[in-house]
Amino acid sequence: MIRPSLNASLSLLQALILFIDKGSANATFTFYDDAKPVNTAIAANESAKLVTVTLPKPCFKQINTDSIDLMPSSEETVIKTGTAVWTRLLNGEGQVVADFDCVVDMVLNTRDLVLGGSFKLDSITLKPST
């Protein structure tokens, strides 16, 4: 496994942001209440979808000494009651960027979403893996 330096990792994240913004549409995070697929090639179970939020374009906000911040997402209405287990990030072309575990990879105010409630990502920070 390659272990790039912090500066190299931040450069890789900046390149990832270009991929996230790629395409004519905006990137989205879709949250699900079922088990996260073992890899990004496996289609998400649409019946497990809780909410989809959209990132502005461009989504880049700022680079920090050890991370990159993205702009906050749109605020959207939850379409199903459930506990957010994982989320999939799609770029503006609808290509999978990454899957995230809502417990391990994210800090959410709540994972328990209620039909008709509002959901938004106020702060999105990408950190290099160590």
N, C-alpha and C. Protein backbone atom coordinates (compact mmCIF):
# COMPACT_ATOMS: atom_id res chain seq x y z
N MET A 1 0.84 -1.17 0.00
CA MET A 1 0.00 0.00 0.00
C MET A 1 0.89 1.24 0.00
N ILE A 2 0.55 2.20 -0.82
CA ILE A 2 1.29 3.46 -0.88
C ILE A 2 0.81 4.36 0.25
N ARG A 3 1.75 4.99 0.96
CA ARG A 3 1.43 5.93 2.03
C ARG A 3 2.02 7.29 1.66
N PRO A 4 1.22 8.11 0.94
CA PRO A 4 1.74 9.42 0.54
C PRO A 4 1.88 10.36 1.73
N SER A 5 2.72 11.36 1.56
CA SER A 5 2.88 12.38 2.60
C SER A 5 1.59 13.17 2.74
N LEU A 6 1.50 13.96 3.80
CA LEU A 6 0.31 14.78 4.02
C LEU A 6 0.10 15.74 2.85
N ASN A 7 1.17 16.40 2.40
CA ASN A 7 1.02 17.35 1.28
C ASN A 7 0.56 16.65 0.01
N ALA A 8 1.12 15.47 -0.25
CA ALA A 8 0.70 14.70 -1.43
C ALA A 8 -0.76 14.26 -1.28
N SER A 9 -1.15 13.86 -0.07
CA SER A 9 -2.54 13.44 0.18
C SER A 9 -3.51 14.59 -0.02
N LEU A 10 -3.15 15.79 0.41
CA LEU A 10 -4.02 16.95 0.20
C LEU A 10 -4.15 17.27 -1.29
N SER A 11 -3.07 17.09 -2.04
CA SER A 11 -3.13 17.28 -3.49
C SER A 11 -4.05 16.26 -4.14
N LEU A 12 -4.02 15.02 -3.65
CA LEU A 12 -4.91 13.98 -4.16
C LEU A 12 -6.37 14.34 -3.86
N LEU A 13 -6.63 14.87 -2.68
CA LEU A 13 -7.99 15.28 -2.35
C LEU A 13 -8.46 16.43 -3.24
N GLN A 14 -7.55 17.35 -3.57
CA GLN A 14 -7.91 18.45 -4.47
C GLN A 14 -8.29 17.89 -5.85
N ALA A 15 -7.57 16.88 -6.30
CA ALA A 15 -7.91 16.24 -7.58
C ALA A 15 -9.25 15.52 -7.47
N LEU A 16 -9.52 14.92 -6.32
CA LEU A 16 -10.80 14.25 -6.10
C LEU A 16 -11.96 15.25 -6.20
N ILE A 17 -11.75 16.45 -5.72
CA ILE A 17 -12.80 17.48 -5.80
C ILE A 17 -13.13 17.80 -7.25
N LEU A 18 -12.13 17.81 -8.12
CA LEU A 18 -12.39 18.03 -9.55
C LEU A 18 -13.27 16.91 -10.10
N PHE A 19 -13.04 15.67 -9.64
CA PHE A 19 -13.86 14.54 -10.07
C PHE A 19 -15.28 14.66 -9.50
N ILE A 20 -15.40 15.11 -8.26
CA ILE A 20 -16.72 15.29 -7.65
C ILE A 20 -17.54 16.31 -8.44
N ASP A 21 -16.92 17.40 -8.86
CA ASP A 21 -17.62 18.46 -9.61
C ASP A 21 -17.82 18.13 -11.09
N LYS A 22 -17.23 17.06 -11.58
CA LYS A 22 -17.29 16.69 -12.99
C LYS A 22 -18.74 16.47 -13.42
N GLY A 23 -19.07 16.95 -14.61
CA GLY A 23 -20.39 16.75 -15.18
C GLY A 23 -21.25 17.99 -15.10
N SER A 24 -22.39 17.94 -15.76
CA SER A 24 -23.26 19.11 -15.82
C SER A 24 -24.16 19.24 -14.59
N ALA A 25 -24.41 18.15 -13.90
CA ALA A 25 -25.26 18.19 -12.70
C ALA A 25 -24.37 18.41 -11.46
N ASN A 26 -25.00 18.54 -10.32
CA ASN A 26 -24.28 18.70 -9.06
C ASN A 26 -24.07 17.33 -8.42
N ALA A 27 -23.04 17.23 -7.61
CA ALA A 27 -22.76 16.00 -6.87
C ALA A 27 -23.81 15.83 -5.77
N THR A 28 -24.04 14.58 -5.38
CA THR A 28 -25.04 14.28 -4.35
C THR A 28 -24.52 13.25 -3.36
N PHE A 29 -25.01 13.35 -2.12
CA PHE A 29 -24.86 12.32 -1.11
C PHE A 29 -26.24 11.71 -0.91
N THR A 30 -26.37 10.40 -1.07
CA THR A 30 -27.63 9.71 -0.79
C THR A 30 -27.41 8.79 0.41
N PHE A 31 -28.30 8.90 1.39
CA PHE A 31 -28.19 8.14 2.64
C PHE A 31 -29.16 6.96 2.61
N TYR A 32 -28.69 5.82 3.13
CA TYR A 32 -29.45 4.57 3.11
C TYR A 32 -29.50 3.95 4.50
N ASP A 33 -30.53 3.11 4.72
CA ASP A 33 -30.68 2.46 6.03
C ASP A 33 -30.39 0.96 6.00
N ASP A 34 -29.81 0.46 4.92
CA ASP A 34 -29.44 -0.96 4.87
C ASP A 34 -27.93 -1.11 4.98
N ALA A 35 -27.43 -2.32 4.81
CA ALA A 35 -25.99 -2.57 4.91
C ALA A 35 -25.25 -1.94 3.73
N LYS A 36 -24.10 -1.34 4.03
CA LYS A 36 -23.27 -0.74 2.99
C LYS A 36 -22.74 -1.84 2.07
N PRO A 37 -22.82 -1.67 0.76
CA PRO A 37 -22.27 -2.66 -0.16
C PRO A 37 -20.77 -2.86 0.08
N VAL A 38 -20.26 -4.03 -0.28
CA VAL A 38 -18.85 -4.33 -0.05
C VAL A 38 -17.93 -3.53 -0.97
N ASN A 39 -18.47 -3.01 -2.08
CA ASN A 39 -17.68 -2.13 -2.93
C ASN A 39 -18.60 -1.22 -3.72
N THR A 40 -18.03 -0.20 -4.34
CA THR A 40 -18.82 0.82 -5.03
C THR A 40 -19.40 0.34 -6.36
N ALA A 41 -19.00 -0.83 -6.83
CA ALA A 41 -19.55 -1.36 -8.08
C ALA A 41 -20.94 -1.97 -7.87
N ILE A 42 -21.31 -2.24 -6.64
CA ILE A 42 -22.62 -2.83 -6.32
C ILE A 42 -23.65 -1.72 -6.24
N ALA A 43 -24.74 -1.89 -6.95
CA ALA A 43 -25.81 -0.88 -6.97
C ALA A 43 -26.44 -0.74 -5.58
N ALA A 44 -26.81 0.47 -5.26
CA ALA A 44 -27.50 0.74 -4.00
C ALA A 44 -28.93 0.23 -4.09
N ASN A 45 -29.48 -0.18 -2.94
CA ASN A 45 -30.86 -0.64 -2.84
C ASN A 45 -31.76 0.60 -2.73
N GLU A 46 -32.45 0.92 -3.80
CA GLU A 46 -33.26 2.15 -3.84
C GLU A 46 -34.37 2.16 -2.79
N SER A 47 -34.85 0.99 -2.37
CA SER A 47 -35.90 0.96 -1.35
C SER A 47 -35.36 1.32 0.04
N ALA A 48 -34.04 1.36 0.19
CA ALA A 48 -33.41 1.72 1.46
C ALA A 48 -33.04 3.20 1.53
N LYS A 49 -33.36 3.96 0.47
CA LYS A 49 -32.99 5.38 0.41
C LYS A 49 -33.79 6.19 1.43
N LEU A 50 -33.06 7.05 2.18
CA LEU A 50 -33.69 7.92 3.17
C LEU A 50 -33.78 9.37 2.68
N VAL A 51 -32.69 9.88 2.11
CA VAL A 51 -32.65 11.27 1.66
C VAL A 51 -31.45 11.46 0.74
N THR A 52 -31.58 12.38 -0.19
CA THR A 52 -30.47 12.77 -1.07
C THR A 52 -30.27 14.27 -0.94
N VAL A 53 -29.04 14.68 -0.64
CA VAL A 53 -28.70 16.10 -0.56
C VAL A 53 -27.71 16.43 -1.68
N THR A 54 -27.74 17.67 -2.12
CA THR A 54 -26.95 18.12 -3.26
C THR A 54 -25.85 19.07 -2.81
N LEU A 55 -24.69 18.93 -3.41
CA LEU A 55 -23.59 19.86 -3.15
C LEU A 55 -23.63 20.99 -4.17
N PRO A 56 -23.22 22.19 -3.77
CA PRO A 56 -23.14 23.28 -4.75
C PRO A 56 -21.99 23.00 -5.72
N LYS A 57 -22.01 23.71 -6.82
CA LYS A 57 -20.92 23.57 -7.80
C LYS A 57 -20.31 24.94 -7.99
N PRO A 58 -19.05 25.14 -7.75
CA PRO A 58 -18.09 24.13 -7.27
C PRO A 58 -18.34 23.81 -5.79
N CYS A 59 -17.93 22.60 -5.40
CA CYS A 59 -18.17 22.15 -4.02
C CYS A 59 -17.00 22.50 -3.09
N PHE A 60 -15.86 22.90 -3.63
CA PHE A 60 -14.68 23.22 -2.81
C PHE A 60 -14.91 24.48 -1.99
N LYS A 61 -14.55 24.42 -0.70
CA LYS A 61 -14.66 25.58 0.17
C LYS A 61 -13.27 26.10 0.54
N GLN A 62 -12.44 25.23 1.16
CA GLN A 62 -11.09 25.67 1.54
C GLN A 62 -10.19 24.47 1.83
N ILE A 63 -8.90 24.74 1.73
CA ILE A 63 -7.90 23.74 2.12
C ILE A 63 -7.35 24.14 3.48
N ASN A 64 -7.22 23.17 4.35
CA ASN A 64 -6.67 23.38 5.69
C ASN A 64 -5.30 22.70 5.77
N THR A 65 -4.64 22.78 6.91
CA THR A 65 -3.32 22.17 7.04
C THR A 65 -3.38 20.65 6.98
N ASP A 66 -4.54 20.05 7.33
CA ASP A 66 -4.62 18.58 7.34
C ASP A 66 -5.90 18.05 6.72
N SER A 67 -6.65 18.89 6.00
CA SER A 67 -7.92 18.45 5.42
C SER A 67 -8.40 19.44 4.37
N ILE A 68 -9.49 19.07 3.72
CA ILE A 68 -10.14 19.94 2.74
C ILE A 68 -11.61 20.03 3.12
N ASP A 69 -12.16 21.24 3.12
CA ASP A 69 -13.57 21.45 3.42
C ASP A 69 -14.35 21.64 2.13
N LEU A 70 -15.54 21.04 2.11
CA LEU A 70 -16.48 21.26 1.02
C LEU A 70 -17.57 22.21 1.50
N MET A 71 -18.28 22.78 0.57
CA MET A 71 -19.40 23.66 0.89
C MET A 71 -20.53 22.83 1.50
N PRO A 72 -21.39 23.45 2.32
CA PRO A 72 -22.55 22.72 2.88
C PRO A 72 -23.48 22.25 1.77
N SER A 73 -24.22 21.20 2.07
CA SER A 73 -25.18 20.65 1.10
C SER A 73 -26.49 21.43 1.14
N SER A 74 -27.34 21.10 0.19
CA SER A 74 -28.71 21.62 0.21
C SER A 74 -29.44 20.99 1.39
N GLU A 75 -30.54 21.62 1.81
CA GLU A 75 -31.40 21.03 2.84
C GLU A 75 -32.55 20.34 2.12
N GLU A 76 -32.76 19.06 2.44
CA GLU A 76 -33.77 18.28 1.72
C GLU A 76 -34.72 17.60 2.70
N THR A 77 -35.84 17.15 2.18
CA THR A 77 -36.85 16.46 2.97
C THR A 77 -36.59 14.95 2.96
N VAL A 78 -36.61 14.36 4.13
CA VAL A 78 -36.42 12.91 4.29
C VAL A 78 -37.63 12.19 3.70
N ILE A 79 -37.38 11.17 2.87
CA ILE A 79 -38.47 10.47 2.18
C ILE A 79 -38.89 9.17 2.86
N LYS A 80 -38.16 8.77 3.93
CA LYS A 80 -38.47 7.52 4.62
C LYS A 80 -37.87 7.59 6.02
N THR A 81 -38.59 7.09 7.01
CA THR A 81 -38.06 7.02 8.37
C THR A 81 -37.07 5.86 8.47
N GLY A 82 -35.93 6.12 9.08
CA GLY A 82 -34.93 5.07 9.26
C GLY A 82 -33.65 5.63 9.84
N THR A 83 -32.71 4.74 10.11
CA THR A 83 -31.41 5.11 10.63
C THR A 83 -30.39 5.10 9.51
N ALA A 84 -29.71 6.22 9.29
CA ALA A 84 -28.69 6.30 8.24
C ALA A 84 -27.52 5.40 8.61
N VAL A 85 -27.25 4.42 7.77
CA VAL A 85 -26.17 3.47 7.99
C VAL A 85 -24.97 3.82 7.11
N TRP A 86 -25.25 4.21 5.88
CA TRP A 86 -24.17 4.55 4.95
C TRP A 86 -24.69 5.57 3.94
N THR A 87 -23.72 6.20 3.25
CA THR A 87 -24.07 7.16 2.20
C THR A 87 -23.16 6.95 1.00
N ARG A 88 -23.70 7.24 -0.16
CA ARG A 88 -22.93 7.15 -1.41
C ARG A 88 -22.83 8.55 -2.00
N LEU A 89 -21.62 8.93 -2.35
CA LEU A 89 -21.35 10.20 -3.01
C LEU A 89 -21.24 9.95 -4.51
N LEU A 90 -22.08 10.64 -5.28
CA LEU A 90 -22.04 10.58 -6.74
C LEU A 90 -21.58 11.92 -7.28
N ASN A 91 -20.78 11.90 -8.35
CA ASN A 91 -20.36 13.16 -8.95
C ASN A 91 -21.45 13.71 -9.87
N GLY A 92 -21.16 14.81 -10.52
CA GLY A 92 -22.13 15.47 -11.38
C GLY A 92 -22.49 14.70 -12.63
N GLU A 93 -21.77 13.61 -12.91
CA GLU A 93 -22.11 12.72 -14.03
C GLU A 93 -22.85 11.48 -13.54
N GLY A 94 -23.10 11.40 -12.24
CA GLY A 94 -23.76 10.22 -11.68
C GLY A 94 -22.83 9.05 -11.42
N GLN A 95 -21.52 9.29 -11.50
CA GLN A 95 -20.54 8.24 -11.22
C GLN A 95 -20.27 8.17 -9.72
N VAL A 96 -20.09 6.95 -9.23
CA VAL A 96 -19.80 6.78 -7.81
C VAL A 96 -18.41 7.33 -7.50
N VAL A 97 -18.35 8.18 -6.48
CA VAL A 97 -17.07 8.69 -5.98
C VAL A 97 -16.60 7.82 -4.83
N ALA A 98 -17.48 7.60 -3.84
CA ALA A 98 -17.11 6.81 -2.67
C ALA A 98 -18.35 6.47 -1.86
N ASP A 99 -18.25 5.42 -1.06
CA ASP A 99 -19.25 5.06 -0.07
C ASP A 99 -18.67 5.35 1.31
N PHE A 100 -19.51 5.84 2.21
CA PHE A 100 -19.08 6.20 3.56
C PHE A 100 -19.96 5.51 4.59
N ASP A 101 -19.36 4.98 5.64
CA ASP A 101 -20.09 4.44 6.78
C ASP A 101 -20.49 5.61 7.66
N CYS A 102 -21.75 5.71 8.01
CA CYS A 102 -22.25 6.87 8.77
C CYS A 102 -21.78 6.89 10.22
N VAL A 103 -21.20 5.79 10.71
CA VAL A 103 -20.66 5.75 12.07
C VAL A 103 -19.15 5.93 12.05
N VAL A 104 -18.48 5.22 11.19
CA VAL A 104 -17.01 5.20 11.15
C VAL A 104 -16.44 6.42 10.42
N ASP A 105 -17.03 6.78 9.29
CA ASP A 105 -16.46 7.80 8.41
C ASP A 105 -17.05 9.19 8.57
N MET A 106 -18.12 9.32 9.34
CA MET A 106 -18.84 10.60 9.43
C MET A 106 -19.21 10.91 10.87
N VAL A 107 -19.42 12.18 11.12
CA VAL A 107 -20.00 12.63 12.39
C VAL A 107 -21.28 13.37 12.02
N LEU A 108 -22.42 12.77 12.37
CA LEU A 108 -23.72 13.36 12.06
C LEU A 108 -24.39 13.77 13.36
N ASN A 109 -25.17 14.85 13.32
CA ASN A 109 -25.93 15.25 14.51
C ASN A 109 -26.86 14.15 14.95
N THR A 110 -27.48 13.49 13.98
CA THR A 110 -28.33 12.34 14.24
C THR A 110 -28.30 11.44 13.02
N ARG A 111 -28.39 10.15 13.28
CA ARG A 111 -28.52 9.18 12.20
C ARG A 111 -29.97 8.74 12.05
N ASP A 112 -30.81 9.11 13.01
CA ASP A 112 -32.22 8.73 13.00
C ASP A 112 -33.01 9.78 12.25
N LEU A 113 -33.45 9.42 11.04
CA LEU A 113 -34.15 10.35 10.17
C LEU A 113 -35.64 10.01 10.15
N VAL A 114 -36.47 11.04 10.08
CA VAL A 114 -37.91 10.87 10.16
C VAL A 114 -38.56 11.38 8.88
N LEU A 115 -39.47 10.60 8.32
CA LEU A 115 -40.20 10.98 7.13
C LEU A 115 -40.75 12.40 7.27
N GLY A 116 -40.45 13.23 6.27
CA GLY A 116 -40.92 14.61 6.27
C GLY A 116 -40.01 15.59 6.97
N GLY A 117 -39.00 15.08 7.71
CA GLY A 117 -38.05 15.96 8.38
C GLY A 117 -37.04 16.52 7.40
N SER A 118 -36.27 17.47 7.86
CA SER A 118 -35.23 18.10 7.04
C SER A 118 -33.87 17.50 7.36
N PHE A 119 -33.00 17.46 6.35
CA PHE A 119 -31.65 16.94 6.54
C PHE A 119 -30.70 17.77 5.69
N LYS A 120 -29.54 18.11 6.27
CA LYS A 120 -28.53 18.91 5.58
C LYS A 120 -27.17 18.57 6.17
N LEU A 121 -26.14 18.62 5.34
CA LEU A 121 -24.76 18.49 5.80
C LEU A 121 -24.21 19.91 5.91
N ASP A 122 -24.07 20.39 7.15
CA ASP A 122 -23.59 21.75 7.37
C ASP A 122 -22.09 21.89 7.17
N SER A 123 -21.37 20.83 7.47
CA SER A 123 -19.91 20.85 7.40
C SER A 123 -19.44 19.54 6.80
N ILE A 124 -18.63 19.62 5.74
CA ILE A 124 -18.10 18.43 5.09
C ILE A 124 -16.59 18.59 4.99
N THR A 125 -15.88 17.74 5.71
CA THR A 125 -14.42 17.79 5.74
C THR A 125 -13.86 16.45 5.26
N LEU A 126 -13.01 16.50 4.26
CA LEU A 126 -12.33 15.30 3.77
C LEU A 126 -10.92 15.29 4.34
N LYS A 127 -10.54 14.17 4.96
CA LYS A 127 -9.20 14.04 5.53
C LYS A 127 -8.48 12.89 4.84
N PRO A 128 -7.18 13.05 4.64
CA PRO A 128 -6.41 11.95 4.04
C PRO A 128 -6.42 10.74 4.98
N SER A 129 -6.40 9.55 4.39
CA SER A 129 -6.28 8.34 5.22
C SER A 129 -4.85 8.27 5.75
N THR A 130 -4.73 7.78 6.96
CA THR A 130 -3.40 7.70 7.56
C THR A 130 -2.98 6.28 7.78
